[in-house]
Amino acid sequence: MRKYGKDFCIRGAMFAWGGPVILAMVYGALQGAGVLTSLTVDQVVLGIVSTTVMAFIAAGISIVYQIENLPKAFAGLIQMAVLYADYLGFYLLNGWVSGSGIWIFTGIFVAGFAVIWFSIFIPIKLKVNKMNRMLNQQQKAEKTR
């Protein structure tokens, strides 16, 4: 378990920079669209710190797929729950979502997560099944020799 904690921290540290970079792009786009005209120092600091922590957690939680005795679907549910709590918590803290926006965020998050997860899981599952069939055919061929 200690190894997973270390790997979580390494992964998180490697990608924590991404949060503030994305935040800067979003702030720039909002300003370009005329939606955001100014920010206070407190808003900028909170945004930078929270997106750094958010990206750290988001990157680190992918470690669940390295736990060999954990079924991949269950690892996906763990990842989804942690990411949902991570994002929603920081979005609420920053005031980026509130009220009925939580339901909209939840729907978009679940749909987006499902599309991404299945677009990764299905091709891997198909490739593993193909490799298993090839191994079975090879074993059968060796037995008949």
Protein backbone atom coordinates (compact mmCIF):
# COMPACT_ATOMS: atom_id res chain seq x y z
CA MET A 1 0.00 0.00 0.00
CA ARG A 2 2.93 2.31 0.67
CA LYS A 3 4.02 1.89 -2.96
CA TYR A 4 0.61 3.09 -4.17
CA GLY A 5 0.78 6.17 -1.95
CA LYS A 6 4.22 7.02 -3.33
CA ASP A 7 3.05 6.45 -6.92
CA PHE A 8 -0.04 8.60 -6.25
CA CYS A 9 2.21 11.46 -5.13
CA ILE A 10 4.61 11.04 -8.05
CA ARG A 11 1.80 11.04 -10.61
CA GLY A 12 0.11 13.97 -8.92
CA ALA A 13 3.32 15.99 -8.79
CA MET A 14 4.05 15.28 -12.47
CA PHE A 15 0.73 16.73 -13.63
CA ALA A 16 -0.20 19.31 -10.97
CA TRP A 17 1.09 22.10 -13.24
CA GLY A 18 -1.71 21.36 -15.70
CA GLY A 19 -4.44 22.80 -13.49
CA PRO A 20 -3.18 26.39 -13.45
CA VAL A 21 -2.33 26.25 -17.17
CA ILE A 22 -5.89 25.20 -18.00
CA LEU A 23 -7.23 27.83 -15.59
CA ALA A 24 -5.23 30.51 -17.41
CA MET A 25 -6.65 29.36 -20.76
CA VAL A 26 -10.22 29.38 -19.38
CA TYR A 27 -9.76 32.85 -17.84
CA GLY A 28 -8.32 34.09 -21.14
CA ALA A 29 -11.21 32.64 -23.13
CA LEU A 30 -13.76 34.13 -20.73
CA GLN A 31 -12.10 37.52 -20.97
CA GLY A 32 -11.97 37.27 -24.78
CA ALA A 33 -15.69 36.50 -24.82
CA GLY A 34 -16.39 39.49 -22.59
CA VAL A 35 -17.76 37.28 -19.80
CA LEU A 36 -14.92 38.01 -17.37
CA THR A 37 -13.51 41.52 -17.13
CA SER A 38 -11.49 41.44 -13.92
CA LEU A 39 -10.45 39.18 -11.06
CA THR A 40 -9.41 39.99 -7.53
CA VAL A 41 -6.07 38.82 -6.19
CA ASP A 42 -7.97 36.46 -3.87
CA GLN A 43 -9.81 34.89 -6.81
CA VAL A 44 -6.58 34.37 -8.74
CA VAL A 45 -4.74 32.86 -5.76
CA LEU A 46 -7.67 30.58 -4.89
CA GLY A 47 -7.96 29.53 -8.53
CA ILE A 48 -4.27 28.73 -8.88
CA VAL A 49 -4.01 26.82 -5.60
CA SER A 50 -7.26 24.92 -6.06
CA THR A 51 -6.56 23.91 -9.67
CA THR A 52 -3.08 22.75 -8.68
CA VAL A 53 -4.53 20.50 -5.96
CA MET A 54 -7.36 19.41 -8.25
CA ALA A 55 -4.92 18.37 -11.00
CA PHE A 56 -2.68 16.63 -8.43
CA ILE A 57 -5.60 14.50 -7.20
CA ALA A 58 -6.94 13.85 -10.71
CA ALA A 59 -3.57 12.57 -11.91
CA GLY A 60 -2.78 10.63 -8.76
CA ILE A 61 -6.05 8.72 -8.57
CA SER A 62 -5.25 6.89 -11.80
CA ILE A 63 -3.09 4.68 -9.58
CA VAL A 64 -6.22 2.61 -8.83
CA TYR A 65 -5.73 0.82 -12.15
CA GLN A 66 -2.34 -0.47 -10.94
CA ILE A 67 -3.90 -2.38 -8.04
CA GLU A 68 -3.93 -5.86 -9.56
CA ASN A 69 -6.59 -7.50 -7.38
CA LEU A 70 -9.05 -4.65 -8.01
CA PRO A 71 -11.45 -5.27 -10.90
CA LYS A 72 -11.11 -2.60 -13.60
CA ALA A 73 -14.80 -1.64 -13.44
CA PHE A 74 -14.54 -1.11 -9.67
CA ALA A 75 -11.32 0.87 -10.16
CA GLY A 76 -13.25 3.00 -12.67
CA LEU A 77 -15.99 3.63 -10.11
CA ILE A 78 -13.42 4.63 -7.50
CA GLN A 79 -11.74 6.96 -9.97
CA MET A 80 -15.09 8.46 -11.00
CA ALA A 81 -16.16 9.06 -7.39
CA VAL A 82 -12.84 10.67 -6.43
CA LEU A 83 -12.77 12.87 -9.53
CA TYR A 84 -16.40 13.91 -9.02
CA ALA A 85 -15.77 14.86 -5.38
CA ASP A 86 -12.50 16.58 -6.36
CA TYR A 87 -13.98 18.67 -9.17
CA LEU A 88 -17.31 19.47 -7.53
CA GLY A 89 -15.66 20.41 -4.24
CA PHE A 90 -13.25 22.84 -5.87
CA TYR A 91 -15.88 24.19 -8.27
CA LEU A 92 -18.10 24.97 -5.27
CA LEU A 93 -15.18 26.48 -3.34
CA ASN A 94 -14.33 28.77 -6.26
CA GLY A 95 -17.96 29.65 -6.97
CA TRP A 96 -17.76 28.20 -10.48
CA VAL A 97 -20.94 26.17 -9.97
CA SER A 98 -23.90 26.50 -7.60
CA GLY A 99 -27.58 25.70 -7.18
CA SER A 100 -29.13 23.92 -10.15
CA GLY A 101 -25.76 24.11 -11.92
CA ILE A 102 -24.69 21.18 -9.75
CA TRP A 103 -27.15 18.91 -11.57
CA ILE A 104 -25.96 20.12 -14.95
CA PHE A 105 -22.34 19.60 -13.89
CA THR A 106 -23.19 16.11 -12.60
CA GLY A 107 -24.87 15.09 -15.85
CA ILE A 108 -22.03 16.40 -17.99
CA PHE A 109 -19.43 14.82 -15.71
CA VAL A 110 -21.06 11.36 -15.70
CA ALA A 111 -21.64 11.39 -19.46
CA GLY A 112 -18.13 12.64 -20.20
CA PHE A 113 -16.52 10.16 -17.83
CA ALA A 114 -18.50 7.27 -19.33
CA VAL A 115 -17.58 8.21 -22.90
CA ILE A 116 -13.88 8.56 -22.07
CA TRP A 117 -13.75 5.43 -19.89
CA PHE A 118 -15.52 3.20 -22.40
CA SER A 119 -13.53 4.59 -25.34
CA ILE A 120 -10.39 3.45 -23.52
CA PHE A 121 -11.74 0.25 -21.91
CA ILE A 122 -13.43 -1.33 -24.95
CA PRO A 123 -10.40 -1.27 -27.31
CA ILE A 124 -8.17 -2.63 -24.54
CA LYS A 125 -10.70 -5.37 -23.76
CA LEU A 126 -10.90 -6.32 -27.45
CA LYS A 127 -7.09 -6.41 -27.74
CA VAL A 128 -6.78 -8.60 -24.61
CA ASN A 129 -9.45 -10.99 -25.93
CA LYS A 130 -7.62 -11.22 -29.27
CA MET A 131 -4.32 -11.95 -27.52
CA ASN A 132 -5.98 -14.62 -25.36
CA ARG A 133 -7.46 -16.29 -28.46
CA MET A 134 -4.05 -16.28 -30.12
CA LEU A 135 -2.44 -17.80 -27.02
CA ASN A 136 -5.14 -20.49 -26.83
CA GLN A 137 -4.62 -21.35 -30.50
CA GLN A 138 -0.86 -21.51 -29.98
CA GLN A 139 -1.29 -23.79 -26.94
CA LYS A 140 -3.63 -26.08 -28.88
CA ALA A 141 -1.15 -26.22 -31.76
CA GLU A 142 1.67 -27.14 -29.38
CA LYS A 143 -0.40 -29.92 -27.79
CA THR A 144 -1.14 -31.52 -31.17
CA ARG A 145 2.57 -31.70 -32.09
